[in-house]
Amino acid sequence: MRGAGAGGAVRRLLAVGMVSMLAQVVLLRECAVASFGTELVVVLALGAWMLGTAAGALLERRARVPGDSTVRWTFVALGVLVPAAVAWARGARAV
């Protein structure tokens, strides 16, 4: 994605947010399937995400626009970690 200035950064951050939400939905569904629909697992997964979000907000309190390289590395990390997490959740089903 190319963009100049703050408008381009906003579009890139919006794209990261959309991909992150999609990944969270997929992982939550995989955890629900792996636990055979047990509601406790869904609640624990949502709680872990909320705690992780709160920890990230506390660690970085100041508002700043990340640079291009930070956004690129975020996409790379999502591209590697999301499939690995889905594979882990599917493997947990066999246990």
Protein backbone atom coordinates (compact mmCIF):
# COMPACT_ATOMS: atom_id res chain seq x y z
CA MET A 1 0.00 0.00 0.00
CA ARG A 2 1.42 3.33 -0.94
CA GLY A 3 0.33 6.62 0.50
CA ALA A 4 1.80 9.95 1.36
CA GLY A 5 1.60 11.53 4.76
CA ALA A 6 -0.86 10.84 7.52
CA GLY A 7 -3.59 9.67 5.12
CA GLY A 8 -1.43 6.81 3.90
CA ALA A 9 -0.53 5.84 7.45
CA VAL A 10 -4.19 5.80 8.43
CA ARG A 11 -5.03 3.51 5.50
CA ARG A 12 -2.19 1.16 6.40
CA LEU A 13 -3.23 1.04 10.05
CA LEU A 14 -6.83 0.42 9.00
CA ALA A 15 -5.66 -2.52 6.89
CA VAL A 16 -3.63 -3.93 9.81
CA GLY A 17 -6.69 -3.61 12.04
CA MET A 18 -8.94 -5.38 9.55
CA VAL A 19 -6.49 -8.25 9.09
CA SER A 20 -6.09 -8.51 12.88
CA MET A 21 -9.85 -8.71 13.42
CA LEU A 22 -10.18 -11.38 10.76
CA ALA A 23 -7.36 -13.36 12.38
CA GLN A 24 -9.02 -13.09 15.80
CA VAL A 25 -12.33 -14.39 14.46
CA VAL A 26 -10.61 -17.34 12.75
CA LEU A 27 -8.60 -18.20 15.87
CA LEU A 28 -11.64 -17.92 18.13
CA ARG A 29 -13.60 -20.25 15.86
CA GLU A 30 -10.70 -22.72 15.77
CA CYS A 31 -10.46 -22.68 19.57
CA ALA A 32 -14.22 -23.28 19.83
CA VAL A 33 -13.99 -26.22 17.42
CA ALA A 34 -10.93 -27.63 19.19
CA SER A 35 -12.76 -27.54 22.52
CA PHE A 36 -15.92 -29.02 21.01
CA GLY A 37 -17.86 -25.81 21.64
CA THR A 38 -17.09 -25.45 25.33
CA GLU A 39 -18.07 -21.93 26.32
CA LEU A 40 -15.36 -21.70 28.97
CA VAL A 41 -12.66 -21.84 26.28
CA VAL A 42 -14.35 -19.04 24.34
CA VAL A 43 -14.53 -16.89 27.49
CA LEU A 44 -10.89 -17.59 28.34
CA ALA A 45 -9.79 -16.76 24.79
CA LEU A 46 -11.70 -13.47 24.80
CA GLY A 47 -10.28 -12.64 28.23
CA ALA A 48 -6.74 -13.32 27.04
CA TRP A 49 -7.24 -11.01 24.05
CA MET A 50 -8.66 -8.27 26.26
CA LEU A 51 -5.73 -8.57 28.70
CA GLY A 52 -3.28 -8.50 25.80
CA THR A 53 -4.93 -5.38 24.39
CA ALA A 54 -4.83 -3.69 27.78
CA ALA A 55 -1.17 -4.61 28.25
CA GLY A 56 -0.31 -3.19 24.84
CA ALA A 57 -2.18 0.02 25.62
CA LEU A 58 -0.36 0.39 28.93
CA LEU A 59 3.05 -0.25 27.39
CA GLU A 60 2.60 2.38 24.71
CA ARG A 61 0.65 5.25 26.23
CA ARG A 62 1.71 8.03 23.92
CA ALA A 63 -0.05 8.43 20.61
CA ARG A 64 2.20 8.18 17.60
CA VAL A 65 1.93 7.13 13.99
CA PRO A 66 4.17 4.13 13.26
CA GLY A 67 6.58 4.29 10.37
CA ASP A 68 6.35 2.34 7.14
CA SER A 69 8.82 -0.31 8.27
CA THR A 70 6.86 -0.94 11.48
CA VAL A 71 3.65 -1.50 9.55
CA ARG A 72 5.43 -3.77 7.06
CA TRP A 73 6.89 -5.89 9.85
CA THR A 74 3.47 -6.07 11.48
CA PHE A 75 2.05 -7.55 8.26
CA VAL A 76 4.97 -10.01 8.08
CA ALA A 77 4.38 -11.04 11.70
CA LEU A 78 0.66 -11.53 11.03
CA GLY A 79 1.46 -13.57 7.95
CA VAL A 80 3.65 -15.93 9.97
CA LEU A 81 1.92 -16.04 13.35
CA VAL A 82 -1.71 -16.40 12.27
CA PRO A 83 -1.22 -19.59 10.21
CA ALA A 84 0.98 -20.99 12.99
CA ALA A 85 -1.71 -20.26 15.58
CA VAL A 86 -4.42 -21.84 13.41
CA ALA A 87 -2.26 -24.93 12.94
CA TRP A 88 -1.70 -25.08 16.71
CA ALA A 89 -5.45 -24.80 17.39
CA ARG A 90 -6.22 -27.54 14.86
CA GLY A 91 -3.50 -29.73 16.39
CA ALA A 92 -4.95 -29.17 19.86
CA ARG A 93 -8.17 -30.76 18.63
CA ALA A 94 -6.36 -34.11 18.29
CA VAL A 95 -5.16 -34.10 21.91
